[in-house]
All heavy atoms as atom14 arrays in JSON, in Angstrom:
{
  "sequence": "DGDVVIGPLNIESEDAAPLPFLFDLENNPRRALDLSD",
  "atom14_mask": [
    [1, 1, 1, 1, 1, 1, 1, 1, 0, 0, 0, 0, 0, 0],
    [1, 1, 1, 1, 0, 0, 0, 0, 0, 0, 0, 0, 0, 0],
    [1, 1, 1, 1, 1, 1, 1, 1, 0, 0, 0, 0, 0, 0],
    [1, 1, 1, 1, 1, 1, 1, 0, 0, 0, 0, 0, 0, 0],
    [1, 1, 1, 1, 1, 1, 1, 0, 0, 0, 0, 0, 0, 0],
    [1, 1, 1, 1, 1, 1, 1, 1, 0, 0, 0, 0, 0, 0],
    [1, 1, 1, 1, 0, 0, 0, 0, 0, 0, 0, 0, 0, 0],
    [1, 1, 1, 1, 1, 1, 1, 0, 0, 0, 0, 0, 0, 0],
    [1, 1, 1, 1, 1, 1, 1, 1, 0, 0, 0, 0, 0, 0],
    [1, 1, 1, 1, 1, 1, 1, 1, 0, 0, 0, 0, 0, 0],
    [1, 1, 1, 1, 1, 1, 1, 1, 0, 0, 0, 0, 0, 0],
    [1, 1, 1, 1, 1, 1, 1, 1, 1, 0, 0, 0, 0, 0],
    [1, 1, 1, 1, 1, 1, 0, 0, 0, 0, 0, 0, 0, 0],
    [1, 1, 1, 1, 1, 1, 1, 1, 1, 0, 0, 0, 0, 0],
    [1, 1, 1, 1, 1, 1, 1, 1, 0, 0, 0, 0, 0, 0],
    [1, 1, 1, 1, 1, 0, 0, 0, 0, 0, 0, 0, 0, 0],
    [1, 1, 1, 1, 1, 0, 0, 0, 0, 0, 0, 0, 0, 0],
    [1, 1, 1, 1, 1, 1, 1, 0, 0, 0, 0, 0, 0, 0],
    [1, 1, 1, 1, 1, 1, 1, 1, 0, 0, 0, 0, 0, 0],
    [1, 1, 1, 1, 1, 1, 1, 0, 0, 0, 0, 0, 0, 0],
    [1, 1, 1, 1, 1, 1, 1, 1, 1, 1, 1, 0, 0, 0],
    [1, 1, 1, 1, 1, 1, 1, 1, 0, 0, 0, 0, 0, 0],
    [1, 1, 1, 1, 1, 1, 1, 1, 1, 1, 1, 0, 0, 0],
    [1, 1, 1, 1, 1, 1, 1, 1, 0, 0, 0, 0, 0, 0],
    [1, 1, 1, 1, 1, 1, 1, 1, 0, 0, 0, 0, 0, 0],
    [1, 1, 1, 1, 1, 1, 1, 1, 1, 0, 0, 0, 0, 0],
    [1, 1, 1, 1, 1, 1, 1, 1, 0, 0, 0, 0, 0, 0],
    [1, 1, 1, 1, 1, 1, 1, 1, 0, 0, 0, 0, 0, 0],
    [1, 1, 1, 1, 1, 1, 1, 0, 0, 0, 0, 0, 0, 0],
    [1, 1, 1, 1, 1, 1, 1, 1, 1, 1, 1, 0, 0, 0],
    [1, 1, 1, 1, 1, 1, 1, 1, 1, 1, 1, 0, 0, 0],
    [1, 1, 1, 1, 1, 0, 0, 0, 0, 0, 0, 0, 0, 0],
    [1, 1, 1, 1, 1, 1, 1, 1, 0, 0, 0, 0, 0, 0],
    [1, 1, 1, 1, 1, 1, 1, 1, 0, 0, 0, 0, 0, 0],
    [1, 1, 1, 1, 1, 1, 1, 1, 0, 0, 0, 0, 0, 0],
    [1, 1, 1, 1, 1, 1, 0, 0, 0, 0, 0, 0, 0, 0],
    [1, 1, 1, 1, 1, 1, 1, 1, 0, 0, 0, 0, 0, 0]
  ],
  "atom14_positions": [
    [[10.95, -26.59, 0.32], [10.96, -27.5, 1.48], [9.62, -27.44, 2.22], [9.53, -27.87, 3.37], [12.1, -27.13, 2.43], [12.03, -25.7, 2.93], [11.23, -24.92, 2.36], [12.76, -25.36, 3.86], [0.0, 0.0, 0.0], [0.0, 0.0, 0.0], [0.0, 0.0, 0.0], [0.0, 0.0, 0.0], [0.0, 0.0, 0.0], [0.0, 0.0, 0.0]],
    [[8.58, -26.92, 1.57], [7.27, -26.88, 2.21], [6.24, -26.29, 1.28], [6.57, -25.64, 0.28], [0.0, 0.0, 0.0], [0.0, 0.0, 0.0], [0.0, 0.0, 0.0], [0.0, 0.0, 0.0], [0.0, 0.0, 0.0], [0.0, 0.0, 0.0], [0.0, 0.0, 0.0], [0.0, 0.0, 0.0], [0.0, 0.0, 0.0], [0.0, 0.0, 0.0]],
    [[4.98, -26.53, 1.59], [3.88, -26.05, 0.75], [3.1, -24.9, 1.37], [2.29, -24.27, 0.7], [2.91, -27.21, 0.46], [3.54, -28.3, -0.38], [4.11, -27.97, -1.43], [3.47, -29.49, 0.02], [0.0, 0.0, 0.0], [0.0, 0.0, 0.0], [0.0, 0.0, 0.0], [0.0, 0.0, 0.0], [0.0, 0.0, 0.0], [0.0, 0.0, 0.0]],
    [[3.33, -24.63, 2.66], [2.6, -23.58, 3.37], [3.6, -22.67, 4.07], [4.57, -23.14, 4.66], [1.62, -24.18, 4.41], [1.11, -23.12, 5.37], [0.45, -24.85, 3.7], [0.0, 0.0, 0.0], [0.0, 0.0, 0.0], [0.0, 0.0, 0.0], [0.0, 0.0, 0.0], [0.0, 0.0, 0.0], [0.0, 0.0, 0.0], [0.0, 0.0, 0.0]],
    [[3.37, -21.36, 4.01], [4.21, -20.38, 4.7], [3.32, -19.51, 5.59], [2.24, -19.07, 5.16], [4.99, -19.5, 3.71], [5.74, -18.39, 4.45], [5.98, -20.35, 2.91], [0.0, 0.0, 0.0], [0.0, 0.0, 0.0], [0.0, 0.0, 0.0], [0.0, 0.0, 0.0], [0.0, 0.0, 0.0], [0.0, 0.0, 0.0], [0.0, 0.0, 0.0]],
    [[3.75, -19.28, 6.81], [3.04, -18.44, 7.77], [4.04, -17.47, 8.4], [5.24, -17.58, 8.17], [2.34, -19.29, 8.86], [3.37, -20.18, 9.57], [1.24, -20.13, 8.26], [2.79, -21.04, 10.68], [0.0, 0.0, 0.0], [0.0, 0.0, 0.0], [0.0, 0.0, 0.0], [0.0, 0.0, 0.0], [0.0, 0.0, 0.0], [0.0, 0.0, 0.0]],
    [[3.54, -16.54, 9.22], [4.42, -15.58, 9.86], [3.7, -14.86, 10.99], [2.57, -15.21, 11.34], [0.0, 0.0, 0.0], [0.0, 0.0, 0.0], [0.0, 0.0, 0.0], [0.0, 0.0, 0.0], [0.0, 0.0, 0.0], [0.0, 0.0, 0.0], [0.0, 0.0, 0.0], [0.0, 0.0, 0.0], [0.0, 0.0, 0.0], [0.0, 0.0, 0.0]],
    [[4.32, -13.82, 11.55], [3.72, -13.08, 12.66], [2.35, -12.51, 12.28], [2.16, -11.99, 11.19], [4.73, -11.95, 12.93], [6.03, -12.5, 12.42], [5.68, -13.33, 11.23], [0.0, 0.0, 0.0], [0.0, 0.0, 0.0], [0.0, 0.0, 0.0], [0.0, 0.0, 0.0], [0.0, 0.0, 0.0], [0.0, 0.0, 0.0], [0.0, 0.0, 0.0]],
    [[1.41, -12.65, 13.21], [0.05, -12.2, 12.93], [-0.64, -11.79, 14.23], [-0.05, -11.83, 15.3], [-0.75, -13.29, 12.21], [-0.72, -14.7, 12.78], [-1.69, -14.89, 13.92], [-1.0, -15.73, 11.7], [0.0, 0.0, 0.0], [0.0, 0.0, 0.0], [0.0, 0.0, 0.0], [0.0, 0.0, 0.0], [0.0, 0.0, 0.0], [0.0, 0.0, 0.0]],
    [[-1.92, -11.4, 14.09], [-2.71, -10.94, 15.24], [-2.02, -9.78, 15.97], [-2.07, -9.68, 17.2], [-2.99, -12.09, 16.22], [-4.0, -13.07, 15.65], [-4.75, -12.75, 14.73], [-4.02, -14.28, 16.19], [0.0, 0.0, 0.0], [0.0, 0.0, 0.0], [0.0, 0.0, 0.0], [0.0, 0.0, 0.0], [0.0, 0.0, 0.0], [0.0, 0.0, 0.0]],
    [[-1.35, -8.93, 15.21], [-0.75, -7.71, 15.76], [-1.82, -6.62, 15.66], [-2.18, -6.19, 14.56], [0.51, -7.3, 14.98], [1.53, -8.44, 14.98], [1.11, -6.04, 15.57], [2.71, -8.2, 14.05], [0.0, 0.0, 0.0], [0.0, 0.0, 0.0], [0.0, 0.0, 0.0], [0.0, 0.0, 0.0], [0.0, 0.0, 0.0], [0.0, 0.0, 0.0]],
    [[-2.37, -6.21, 16.78], [-3.47, -5.26, 16.79], [-2.96, -3.82, 16.72], [-2.0, -3.45, 17.42], [-4.32, -5.45, 18.03], [-5.07, -6.78, 18.08], [-6.17, -6.87, 17.03], [-6.67, -5.81, 16.59], [-6.53, -8.01, 16.65], [0.0, 0.0, 0.0], [0.0, 0.0, 0.0], [0.0, 0.0, 0.0], [0.0, 0.0, 0.0], [0.0, 0.0, 0.0]],
    [[-3.62, -3.0, 15.91], [-3.25, -1.58, 15.84], [-3.71, -0.83, 17.09], [-3.17, 0.23, 17.42], [-3.84, -0.93, 14.59], [-5.26, -0.96, 14.63], [0.0, 0.0, 0.0], [0.0, 0.0, 0.0], [0.0, 0.0, 0.0], [0.0, 0.0, 0.0], [0.0, 0.0, 0.0], [0.0, 0.0, 0.0], [0.0, 0.0, 0.0], [0.0, 0.0, 0.0]],
    [[-4.73, -1.39, 17.76], [-5.29, -0.77, 18.99], [-5.67, 0.68, 18.7], [-6.38, 0.95, 17.75], [-4.28, -0.87, 20.14], [-3.91, -2.31, 20.5], [-5.03, -3.1, 21.14], [-6.1, -2.52, 21.4], [-4.84, -4.31, 21.38], [0.0, 0.0, 0.0], [0.0, 0.0, 0.0], [0.0, 0.0, 0.0], [0.0, 0.0, 0.0], [0.0, 0.0, 0.0]],
    [[-5.19, 1.61, 19.49], [-5.56, 3.03, 19.32], [-4.61, 3.78, 18.39], [-4.81, 4.98, 18.12], [-5.6, 3.74, 20.68], [-6.67, 3.16, 21.6], [-7.72, 2.73, 21.07], [-6.45, 3.12, 22.82], [0.0, 0.0, 0.0], [0.0, 0.0, 0.0], [0.0, 0.0, 0.0], [0.0, 0.0, 0.0], [0.0, 0.0, 0.0], [0.0, 0.0, 0.0]],
    [[-3.58, 3.11, 17.9], [-2.6, 3.77, 17.03], [-3.15, 3.92, 15.61], [-3.99, 3.12, 15.17], [-1.3, 2.98, 17.0], [0.0, 0.0, 0.0], [0.0, 0.0, 0.0], [0.0, 0.0, 0.0], [0.0, 0.0, 0.0], [0.0, 0.0, 0.0], [0.0, 0.0, 0.0], [0.0, 0.0, 0.0], [0.0, 0.0, 0.0], [0.0, 0.0, 0.0]],
    [[-2.7, 4.95, 14.92], [-3.04, 5.08, 13.5], [-2.39, 3.91, 12.76], [-1.18, 3.7, 12.86], [-2.53, 6.41, 12.96], [0.0, 0.0, 0.0], [0.0, 0.0, 0.0], [0.0, 0.0, 0.0], [0.0, 0.0, 0.0], [0.0, 0.0, 0.0], [0.0, 0.0, 0.0], [0.0, 0.0, 0.0], [0.0, 0.0, 0.0], [0.0, 0.0, 0.0]],
    [[-3.19, 3.11, 12.03], [-2.68, 1.84, 11.46], [-1.44, 1.99, 10.58], [-0.48, 1.22, 10.73], [-3.87, 1.32, 10.65], [-5.07, 1.9, 11.33], [-4.64, 3.27, 11.77], [0.0, 0.0, 0.0], [0.0, 0.0, 0.0], [0.0, 0.0, 0.0], [0.0, 0.0, 0.0], [0.0, 0.0, 0.0], [0.0, 0.0, 0.0], [0.0, 0.0, 0.0]],
    [[-1.42, 2.97, 9.66], [-0.31, 3.07, 8.72], [1.01, 3.46, 9.41], [2.04, 2.81, 9.19], [-0.65, 4.04, 7.6], [0.19, 3.92, 6.32], [0.13, 2.52, 5.77], [-0.29, 4.93, 5.28], [0.0, 0.0, 0.0], [0.0, 0.0, 0.0], [0.0, 0.0, 0.0], [0.0, 0.0, 0.0], [0.0, 0.0, 0.0], [0.0, 0.0, 0.0]],
    [[1.03, 4.51, 10.25], [2.28, 4.81, 10.97], [2.73, 3.66, 11.86], [3.93, 3.41, 12.01], [1.92, 6.05, 11.8], [0.8, 6.7, 11.06], [0.01, 5.55, 10.48], [0.0, 0.0, 0.0], [0.0, 0.0, 0.0], [0.0, 0.0, 0.0], [0.0, 0.0, 0.0], [0.0, 0.0, 0.0], [0.0, 0.0, 0.0], [0.0, 0.0, 0.0]],
    [[1.77, 2.94, 12.42], [2.09, 1.79, 13.27], [2.79, 0.72, 12.44], [3.78, 0.11, 12.85], [0.82, 1.26, 13.91], [1.03, 0.07, 14.81], [1.85, 0.16, 15.93], [0.41, -1.13, 14.54], [2.04, -0.93, 16.77], [0.58, -2.23, 15.38], [1.4, -2.13, 16.49], [0.0, 0.0, 0.0], [0.0, 0.0, 0.0], [0.0, 0.0, 0.0]],
    [[2.27, 0.47, 11.24], [2.88, -0.5, 10.33], [4.29, -0.06, 9.95], [5.23, -0.86, 9.95], [2.02, -0.66, 9.08], [2.57, -1.57, 7.98], [2.66, -3.01, 8.47], [1.7, -1.5, 6.73], [0.0, 0.0, 0.0], [0.0, 0.0, 0.0], [0.0, 0.0, 0.0], [0.0, 0.0, 0.0], [0.0, 0.0, 0.0], [0.0, 0.0, 0.0]],
    [[4.47, 1.23, 9.62], [5.8, 1.74, 9.25], [6.78, 1.57, 10.4], [7.96, 1.24, 10.19], [5.71, 3.22, 8.85], [4.98, 3.46, 7.57], [4.44, 4.71, 7.28], [4.82, 2.45, 6.64], [3.78, 4.95, 6.09], [4.15, 2.66, 5.45], [3.63, 3.91, 5.18], [0.0, 0.0, 0.0], [0.0, 0.0, 0.0], [0.0, 0.0, 0.0]],
    [[6.32, 1.78, 11.63], [7.19, 1.64, 12.79], [7.66, 0.19, 12.93], [8.83, -0.07, 13.24], [6.45, 2.08, 14.05], [7.32, 1.94, 15.3], [8.36, 2.62, 15.38], [6.96, 1.14, 16.18], [0.0, 0.0, 0.0], [0.0, 0.0, 0.0], [0.0, 0.0, 0.0], [0.0, 0.0, 0.0], [0.0, 0.0, 0.0], [0.0, 0.0, 0.0]],
    [[6.77, -0.75, 12.68], [7.15, -2.16, 12.77], [8.11, -2.55, 11.65], [8.99, -3.4, 11.84], [5.9, -3.05, 12.72], [4.99, -2.99, 13.95], [3.78, -3.91, 13.75], [5.74, -3.4, 15.21], [0.0, 0.0, 0.0], [0.0, 0.0, 0.0], [0.0, 0.0, 0.0], [0.0, 0.0, 0.0], [0.0, 0.0, 0.0], [0.0, 0.0, 0.0]],
    [[7.95, -1.94, 10.49], [8.88, -2.22, 9.4], [10.28, -1.75, 9.75], [11.27, -2.37, 9.32], [8.39, -1.55, 8.11], [7.16, -2.21, 7.52], [6.73, -1.57, 6.22], [6.91, -0.35, 6.07], [6.2, -2.3, 5.35], [0.0, 0.0, 0.0], [0.0, 0.0, 0.0], [0.0, 0.0, 0.0], [0.0, 0.0, 0.0], [0.0, 0.0, 0.0]],
    [[10.38, -0.7, 10.53], [11.69, -0.22, 10.97], [12.22, -1.01, 12.16], [13.42, -0.93, 12.46], [11.6, 1.27, 11.34], [11.35, 2.16, 10.14], [11.82, 1.86, 9.04], [10.6, 3.23, 10.34], [0.0, 0.0, 0.0], [0.0, 0.0, 0.0], [0.0, 0.0, 0.0], [0.0, 0.0, 0.0], [0.0, 0.0, 0.0], [0.0, 0.0, 0.0]],
    [[11.34, -1.75, 12.83], [11.73, -2.57, 13.98], [11.1, -3.95, 13.84], [10.2, -4.34, 14.59], [11.26, -1.92, 15.29], [11.8, -0.53, 15.49], [12.92, -0.36, 15.96], [11.01, 0.48, 15.13], [0.0, 0.0, 0.0], [0.0, 0.0, 0.0], [0.0, 0.0, 0.0], [0.0, 0.0, 0.0], [0.0, 0.0, 0.0], [0.0, 0.0, 0.0]],
    [[11.53, -4.73, 12.83], [10.86, -5.99, 12.51], [10.85, -7.0, 13.65], [9.94, -7.82, 13.74], [11.65, -6.51, 11.3], [12.96, -5.79, 11.35], [12.67, -4.46, 11.94], [0.0, 0.0, 0.0], [0.0, 0.0, 0.0], [0.0, 0.0, 0.0], [0.0, 0.0, 0.0], [0.0, 0.0, 0.0], [0.0, 0.0, 0.0], [0.0, 0.0, 0.0]],
    [[11.85, -6.96, 14.53], [11.87, -7.9, 15.66], [10.65, -7.68, 16.55], [10.12, -8.62, 17.14], [13.16, -7.73, 16.46], [13.26, -8.61, 17.69], [13.32, -10.08, 17.35], [13.18, -10.92, 18.52], [13.18, -12.25, 18.5], [13.35, -12.87, 17.34], [13.04, -12.95, 19.58], [0.0, 0.0, 0.0], [0.0, 0.0, 0.0], [0.0, 0.0, 0.0]],
    [[10.2, -6.42, 16.64], [9.05, -6.11, 17.48], [7.77, -6.76, 16.94], [6.85, -7.05, 17.7], [8.89, -4.59, 17.55], [7.85, -4.12, 18.54], [8.01, -2.64, 18.84], [6.89, -2.15, 19.62], [5.96, -1.31, 19.16], [6.06, -0.84, 17.92], [4.97, -0.91, 19.93], [0.0, 0.0, 0.0], [0.0, 0.0, 0.0], [0.0, 0.0, 0.0]],
    [[7.72, -6.99, 15.64], [6.54, -7.63, 15.05], [6.33, -9.02, 15.64], [5.2, -9.39, 15.98], [6.68, -7.71, 13.53], [0.0, 0.0, 0.0], [0.0, 0.0, 0.0], [0.0, 0.0, 0.0], [0.0, 0.0, 0.0], [0.0, 0.0, 0.0], [0.0, 0.0, 0.0], [0.0, 0.0, 0.0], [0.0, 0.0, 0.0], [0.0, 0.0, 0.0]],
    [[7.4, -9.79, 15.78], [7.26, -11.12, 16.36], [6.91, -11.02, 17.84], [6.11, -11.8, 18.35], [8.56, -11.91, 16.18], [8.54, -13.36, 16.71], [7.44, -14.17, 16.03], [9.9, -14.02, 16.5], [0.0, 0.0, 0.0], [0.0, 0.0, 0.0], [0.0, 0.0, 0.0], [0.0, 0.0, 0.0], [0.0, 0.0, 0.0], [0.0, 0.0, 0.0]],
    [[7.47, -10.03, 18.53], [7.17, -9.87, 19.95], [5.7, -9.53, 20.18], [5.1, -9.97, 21.16], [8.05, -8.77, 20.55], [9.53, -9.15, 20.57], [9.82, -10.36, 20.54], [10.38, -8.24, 20.61], [0.0, 0.0, 0.0], [0.0, 0.0, 0.0], [0.0, 0.0, 0.0], [0.0, 0.0, 0.0], [0.0, 0.0, 0.0], [0.0, 0.0, 0.0]],
    [[5.1, -8.74, 19.28], [3.7, -8.33, 19.42], [2.74, -9.36, 18.86], [1.54, -9.29, 19.12], [3.48, -6.99, 18.72], [4.18, -5.77, 19.33], [3.92, -4.53, 18.46], [3.7, -5.52, 20.75], [0.0, 0.0, 0.0], [0.0, 0.0, 0.0], [0.0, 0.0, 0.0], [0.0, 0.0, 0.0], [0.0, 0.0, 0.0], [0.0, 0.0, 0.0]],
    [[3.26, -10.28, 18.08], [2.41, -11.28, 17.44], [1.73, -12.16, 18.48], [2.34, -12.56, 19.48], [3.26, -12.14, 16.5], [2.47, -13.12, 15.86], [0.0, 0.0, 0.0], [0.0, 0.0, 0.0], [0.0, 0.0, 0.0], [0.0, 0.0, 0.0], [0.0, 0.0, 0.0], [0.0, 0.0, 0.0], [0.0, 0.0, 0.0], [0.0, 0.0, 0.0]],
    [[0.46, -12.45, 18.26], [-0.31, -13.3, 19.18], [-0.65, -14.6, 18.46], [-1.73, -14.75, 17.88], [-1.57, -12.57, 19.63], [-2.36, -13.36, 20.68], [-1.78, -14.29, 21.26], [-3.55, -13.04, 20.88], [0.0, 0.0, 0.0], [0.0, 0.0, 0.0], [0.0, 0.0, 0.0], [0.0, 0.0, 0.0], [0.0, 0.0, 0.0], [0.0, 0.0, 0.0]]
  ]
}
């Protein structure tokens, strides 16, 4: 039903260690959309 797919982005790691930060968002996926800019 479409040719392009997009999703939450511009989520900055800021001062957090990137990989643990990513794992935390995977456990709380709703937060990814909330942090998305």
